[in-house]
Amino acid sequence: MIFTFNASQRITSSTGAIANTAGGLPFASGGELVVTDGTLAPASFVNGWPLESTGKVAIHNAGTTTQWQNGLPLTANGRLCSDNTNSVVQFVNGLPLTASRISIA
């Protein structure tokens, strides 16, 4: 998986159409990770990443991290906890993290 990053070191994302997949993850034509923000439980997991039934990554922006799976912060119902405002403080397995969430723009 190759992610694109913005100037703030966040993974770039899109809510648009999926153009291709890599490692089971959906990407837009510009290389952005394709996501859906919400609170419902994901439909499935691929390589530890929660996915909606549409194939988009299931995130909850500003959700509360209650568990970690494969280095990914997850909510109680399994959505990826994301943060698009706080600064990146560390990288784990190449992924940018704020204090307790993955940093996705």
N, C-alpha and C. Protein backbone atom coordinates (compact mmCIF):
# COMPACT_ATOMS: atom_id res chain seq x y z
N MET A 1 0.84 -1.18 0.00
CA MET A 1 0.00 0.00 0.00
C MET A 1 0.89 1.24 0.00
N ILE A 2 0.58 2.14 -0.87
CA ILE A 2 1.32 3.40 -0.93
C ILE A 2 0.32 4.52 -0.72
N PHE A 3 0.50 5.25 0.36
CA PHE A 3 -0.39 6.37 0.67
C PHE A 3 0.22 7.67 0.17
N THR A 4 -0.64 8.63 -0.12
CA THR A 4 -0.17 9.98 -0.41
C THR A 4 -0.43 10.82 0.84
N PHE A 5 0.45 11.78 1.08
CA PHE A 5 0.38 12.61 2.28
C PHE A 5 0.31 14.08 1.89
N ASN A 6 -0.39 14.87 2.72
CA ASN A 6 -0.42 16.31 2.48
C ASN A 6 0.73 16.97 3.25
N ALA A 7 0.80 18.29 3.20
CA ALA A 7 1.90 19.02 3.83
C ALA A 7 1.91 18.86 5.35
N SER A 8 0.76 18.50 5.94
CA SER A 8 0.68 18.30 7.40
C SER A 8 0.94 16.85 7.80
N GLN A 9 1.42 16.05 6.86
CA GLN A 9 1.76 14.65 7.06
C GLN A 9 0.54 13.75 7.25
N ARG A 10 -0.64 14.22 6.87
CA ARG A 10 -1.85 13.41 6.96
C ARG A 10 -2.03 12.60 5.68
N ILE A 11 -2.64 11.42 5.81
CA ILE A 11 -2.98 10.63 4.63
C ILE A 11 -4.07 11.38 3.88
N THR A 12 -3.89 11.57 2.58
CA THR A 12 -4.92 12.25 1.80
C THR A 12 -6.07 11.28 1.55
N SER A 13 -7.29 11.83 1.55
CA SER A 13 -8.45 10.96 1.39
C SER A 13 -9.46 11.59 0.45
N SER A 14 -10.41 10.76 0.04
CA SER A 14 -11.49 11.17 -0.84
C SER A 14 -12.73 10.40 -0.43
N THR A 15 -13.89 10.99 -0.66
CA THR A 15 -15.15 10.27 -0.45
C THR A 15 -15.76 9.88 -1.79
N GLY A 16 -15.00 10.10 -2.85
CA GLY A 16 -15.49 9.84 -4.21
C GLY A 16 -15.42 8.38 -4.61
N ALA A 17 -15.37 8.18 -5.90
CA ALA A 17 -15.39 6.83 -6.47
C ALA A 17 -14.06 6.10 -6.28
N ILE A 18 -14.15 4.80 -6.16
CA ILE A 18 -12.97 3.95 -6.06
C ILE A 18 -12.45 3.69 -7.47
N ALA A 19 -11.18 4.03 -7.71
CA ALA A 19 -10.59 3.82 -9.04
C ALA A 19 -9.79 2.52 -9.09
N ASN A 20 -9.18 2.15 -7.95
CA ASN A 20 -8.41 0.92 -7.90
C ASN A 20 -8.21 0.50 -6.45
N THR A 21 -7.70 -0.69 -6.26
CA THR A 21 -7.39 -1.17 -4.92
C THR A 21 -5.95 -1.64 -4.87
N ALA A 22 -5.37 -1.52 -3.69
CA ALA A 22 -4.01 -2.02 -3.46
C ALA A 22 -3.99 -2.58 -2.04
N GLY A 23 -3.58 -3.82 -1.90
CA GLY A 23 -3.59 -4.44 -0.59
C GLY A 23 -4.98 -4.55 0.00
N GLY A 24 -5.99 -4.55 -0.87
CA GLY A 24 -7.37 -4.62 -0.42
C GLY A 24 -7.98 -3.29 -0.04
N LEU A 25 -7.20 -2.21 -0.12
CA LEU A 25 -7.70 -0.88 0.24
C LEU A 25 -8.11 -0.10 -1.01
N PRO A 26 -9.16 0.72 -0.88
CA PRO A 26 -9.66 1.48 -2.03
C PRO A 26 -8.93 2.81 -2.21
N PHE A 27 -8.62 3.14 -3.45
CA PHE A 27 -7.96 4.41 -3.75
C PHE A 27 -8.68 5.11 -4.90
N ALA A 28 -8.70 6.45 -4.83
CA ALA A 28 -9.26 7.26 -5.90
C ALA A 28 -8.24 7.39 -7.02
N SER A 29 -8.64 7.98 -8.13
CA SER A 29 -7.75 8.10 -9.28
C SER A 29 -6.52 8.95 -8.99
N GLY A 30 -6.61 9.86 -8.03
CA GLY A 30 -5.46 10.69 -7.66
C GLY A 30 -4.58 10.08 -6.59
N GLY A 31 -4.88 8.84 -6.17
CA GLY A 31 -4.08 8.16 -5.17
C GLY A 31 -4.57 8.34 -3.75
N GLU A 32 -5.69 9.06 -3.56
CA GLU A 32 -6.21 9.28 -2.22
C GLU A 32 -6.92 8.02 -1.71
N LEU A 33 -6.81 7.77 -0.41
CA LEU A 33 -7.54 6.69 0.23
C LEU A 33 -9.02 7.05 0.23
N VAL A 34 -9.89 6.13 -0.21
CA VAL A 34 -11.32 6.43 -0.29
C VAL A 34 -11.98 5.99 1.02
N VAL A 35 -12.67 6.94 1.69
CA VAL A 35 -13.23 6.72 3.02
C VAL A 35 -14.70 7.14 3.09
N THR A 36 -15.39 6.64 4.12
CA THR A 36 -16.73 7.08 4.48
C THR A 36 -16.74 7.33 5.98
N ASP A 37 -17.10 8.57 6.39
CA ASP A 37 -17.16 8.92 7.80
C ASP A 37 -18.55 8.57 8.33
N GLY A 38 -18.61 7.92 9.46
CA GLY A 38 -19.89 7.55 10.05
C GLY A 38 -19.71 6.89 11.39
N THR A 39 -20.78 6.27 11.89
CA THR A 39 -20.73 5.65 13.21
C THR A 39 -21.19 4.19 13.22
N LEU A 40 -21.74 3.70 12.12
CA LEU A 40 -22.19 2.31 12.08
C LEU A 40 -21.01 1.35 11.96
N ALA A 41 -21.19 0.14 12.44
CA ALA A 41 -20.13 -0.86 12.38
C ALA A 41 -19.77 -1.16 10.92
N PRO A 42 -18.49 -1.43 10.64
CA PRO A 42 -18.09 -1.76 9.28
C PRO A 42 -18.66 -3.11 8.84
N ALA A 43 -18.75 -3.29 7.54
CA ALA A 43 -19.29 -4.53 6.98
C ALA A 43 -18.27 -5.66 7.00
N SER A 44 -16.97 -5.30 6.88
CA SER A 44 -15.93 -6.33 6.84
C SER A 44 -14.58 -5.71 7.20
N PHE A 45 -13.58 -6.57 7.30
CA PHE A 45 -12.21 -6.13 7.55
C PHE A 45 -11.31 -6.76 6.50
N VAL A 46 -10.39 -5.97 5.96
CA VAL A 46 -9.40 -6.47 5.01
C VAL A 46 -8.03 -6.06 5.53
N ASN A 47 -7.20 -7.03 5.82
CA ASN A 47 -5.88 -6.78 6.39
C ASN A 47 -5.96 -5.88 7.62
N GLY A 48 -7.02 -6.04 8.40
CA GLY A 48 -7.21 -5.26 9.62
C GLY A 48 -7.90 -3.93 9.44
N TRP A 49 -8.11 -3.52 8.19
CA TRP A 49 -8.77 -2.24 7.89
C TRP A 49 -10.27 -2.45 7.79
N PRO A 50 -11.08 -1.62 8.49
CA PRO A 50 -12.53 -1.75 8.41
C PRO A 50 -13.08 -1.16 7.12
N LEU A 51 -13.97 -1.90 6.46
CA LEU A 51 -14.55 -1.44 5.20
C LEU A 51 -16.07 -1.41 5.28
N GLU A 52 -16.66 -0.42 4.60
CA GLU A 52 -18.11 -0.34 4.43
C GLU A 52 -18.52 -1.37 3.37
N SER A 53 -19.81 -1.61 3.23
CA SER A 53 -20.29 -2.52 2.19
C SER A 53 -19.97 -1.98 0.80
N THR A 54 -19.72 -0.67 0.69
CA THR A 54 -19.36 -0.04 -0.59
C THR A 54 -17.90 -0.27 -0.95
N GLY A 55 -17.12 -0.83 -0.01
CA GLY A 55 -15.69 -1.03 -0.24
C GLY A 55 -14.83 0.11 0.25
N LYS A 56 -15.45 1.19 0.73
CA LYS A 56 -14.70 2.34 1.25
C LYS A 56 -14.28 2.08 2.70
N VAL A 57 -13.15 2.68 3.11
CA VAL A 57 -12.68 2.52 4.47
C VAL A 57 -13.66 3.20 5.43
N ALA A 58 -14.07 2.47 6.47
CA ALA A 58 -15.03 2.98 7.45
C ALA A 58 -14.27 3.75 8.54
N ILE A 59 -14.41 5.09 8.53
CA ILE A 59 -13.75 5.91 9.55
C ILE A 59 -14.79 6.59 10.43
N HIS A 60 -14.33 7.03 11.59
CA HIS A 60 -15.14 7.90 12.46
C HIS A 60 -14.21 9.02 12.87
N ASN A 61 -14.38 10.17 12.23
CA ASN A 61 -13.52 11.31 12.55
C ASN A 61 -13.82 11.78 13.97
N ALA A 62 -12.79 11.91 14.76
CA ALA A 62 -12.87 12.34 16.16
C ALA A 62 -13.56 11.29 17.05
N GLY A 63 -13.62 10.05 16.58
CA GLY A 63 -14.18 8.98 17.40
C GLY A 63 -13.23 8.65 18.55
N THR A 64 -13.73 7.91 19.53
CA THR A 64 -12.93 7.51 20.68
C THR A 64 -12.27 6.17 20.42
N THR A 65 -10.97 6.11 20.56
CA THR A 65 -10.23 4.87 20.39
C THR A 65 -10.45 3.98 21.60
N THR A 66 -10.98 2.79 21.37
CA THR A 66 -11.21 1.85 22.47
C THR A 66 -10.41 0.56 22.29
N GLN A 67 -9.85 0.36 21.09
CA GLN A 67 -9.08 -0.85 20.82
C GLN A 67 -8.08 -0.58 19.70
N TRP A 68 -7.06 -1.42 19.65
CA TRP A 68 -6.05 -1.33 18.59
C TRP A 68 -5.99 -2.69 17.91
N GLN A 69 -5.95 -2.67 16.58
CA GLN A 69 -5.83 -3.91 15.81
C GLN A 69 -4.79 -3.68 14.73
N ASN A 70 -3.75 -4.47 14.72
CA ASN A 70 -2.66 -4.32 13.73
C ASN A 70 -2.12 -2.90 13.70
N GLY A 71 -2.05 -2.26 14.85
CA GLY A 71 -1.54 -0.89 14.93
C GLY A 71 -2.53 0.18 14.52
N LEU A 72 -3.80 -0.21 14.27
CA LEU A 72 -4.82 0.74 13.86
C LEU A 72 -5.75 1.06 15.03
N PRO A 73 -6.02 2.35 15.28
CA PRO A 73 -6.94 2.72 16.35
C PRO A 73 -8.39 2.56 15.90
N LEU A 74 -9.18 1.81 16.67
CA LEU A 74 -10.55 1.52 16.29
C LEU A 74 -11.53 1.97 17.37
N THR A 75 -12.76 2.27 16.95
CA THR A 75 -13.83 2.58 17.89
C THR A 75 -14.35 1.26 18.46
N ALA A 76 -15.28 1.35 19.42
CA ALA A 76 -15.84 0.15 20.04
C ALA A 76 -16.50 -0.77 19.01
N ASN A 77 -17.10 -0.19 17.96
CA ASN A 77 -17.76 -1.04 16.96
C ASN A 77 -16.89 -1.31 15.74
N GLY A 78 -15.61 -0.95 15.80
CA GLY A 78 -14.67 -1.35 14.77
C GLY A 78 -14.33 -0.36 13.69
N ARG A 79 -14.87 0.87 13.74
CA ARG A 79 -14.50 1.87 12.73
C ARG A 79 -13.11 2.43 13.05
N LEU A 80 -12.41 2.86 12.03
CA LEU A 80 -11.10 3.46 12.18
C LEU A 80 -11.24 4.85 12.78
N CYS A 81 -10.57 5.11 13.89
CA CYS A 81 -10.61 6.44 14.52
C CYS A 81 -9.67 7.37 13.75
N SER A 82 -10.22 8.41 13.18
CA SER A 82 -9.39 9.34 12.40
C SER A 82 -9.42 10.72 13.02
N ASP A 83 -8.45 11.52 12.64
CA ASP A 83 -8.30 12.88 13.16
C ASP A 83 -7.79 13.75 12.03
N ASN A 84 -8.54 14.79 11.70
CA ASN A 84 -8.10 15.67 10.61
C ASN A 84 -7.74 17.07 11.10
N THR A 85 -7.56 17.23 12.42
CA THR A 85 -7.21 18.56 12.95
C THR A 85 -5.96 18.59 13.81
N ASN A 86 -5.73 17.59 14.64
CA ASN A 86 -4.59 17.60 15.53
C ASN A 86 -3.30 17.21 14.82
N SER A 87 -2.18 17.62 15.38
CA SER A 87 -0.88 17.38 14.77
C SER A 87 -0.48 15.91 14.86
N VAL A 88 0.26 15.48 13.85
CA VAL A 88 0.86 14.15 13.86
C VAL A 88 1.97 14.15 14.90
N VAL A 89 1.95 13.16 15.81
CA VAL A 89 2.98 13.09 16.85
C VAL A 89 3.91 11.89 16.68
N GLN A 90 3.48 10.90 15.90
CA GLN A 90 4.33 9.73 15.68
C GLN A 90 3.86 8.97 14.44
N PHE A 91 4.73 8.11 13.95
CA PHE A 91 4.39 7.20 12.85
C PHE A 91 4.51 5.78 13.38
N VAL A 92 3.49 4.96 13.14
CA VAL A 92 3.51 3.55 13.53
C VAL A 92 3.27 2.74 12.27
N ASN A 93 4.20 1.88 11.94
CA ASN A 93 4.12 1.09 10.71
C ASN A 93 3.92 1.99 9.49
N GLY A 94 4.53 3.17 9.51
CA GLY A 94 4.44 4.11 8.40
C GLY A 94 3.17 4.94 8.36
N LEU A 95 2.29 4.75 9.35
CA LEU A 95 1.03 5.49 9.39
C LEU A 95 1.12 6.66 10.37
N PRO A 96 0.66 7.84 9.97
CA PRO A 96 0.72 9.01 10.85
C PRO A 96 -0.35 8.95 11.92
N LEU A 97 0.05 9.15 13.19
CA LEU A 97 -0.90 9.13 14.29
C LEU A 97 -0.84 10.44 15.06
N THR A 98 -2.01 10.89 15.50
CA THR A 98 -2.07 11.97 16.48
C THR A 98 -1.95 11.27 17.84
N ALA A 99 -2.40 11.87 18.91
CA ALA A 99 -2.26 11.25 20.22
C ALA A 99 -2.91 9.86 20.28
N SER A 100 -4.06 9.68 19.64
CA SER A 100 -4.72 8.38 19.72
C SER A 100 -5.52 8.01 18.49
N ARG A 101 -5.29 8.72 17.38
CA ARG A 101 -6.05 8.46 16.15
C ARG A 101 -5.13 8.50 14.94
N ILE A 102 -5.55 7.85 13.86
CA ILE A 102 -4.81 7.93 12.61
C ILE A 102 -5.12 9.29 11.96
N SER A 103 -4.12 9.90 11.39
CA SER A 103 -4.29 11.23 10.82
C SER A 103 -4.63 11.15 9.34
N ILE A 104 -5.90 11.45 9.03
CA ILE A 104 -6.40 11.42 7.66
C ILE A 104 -6.97 12.77 7.32
N ALA A 105 -6.53 13.34 6.20
CA ALA A 105 -7.03 14.65 5.78
C ALA A 105 -8.34 14.53 5.06
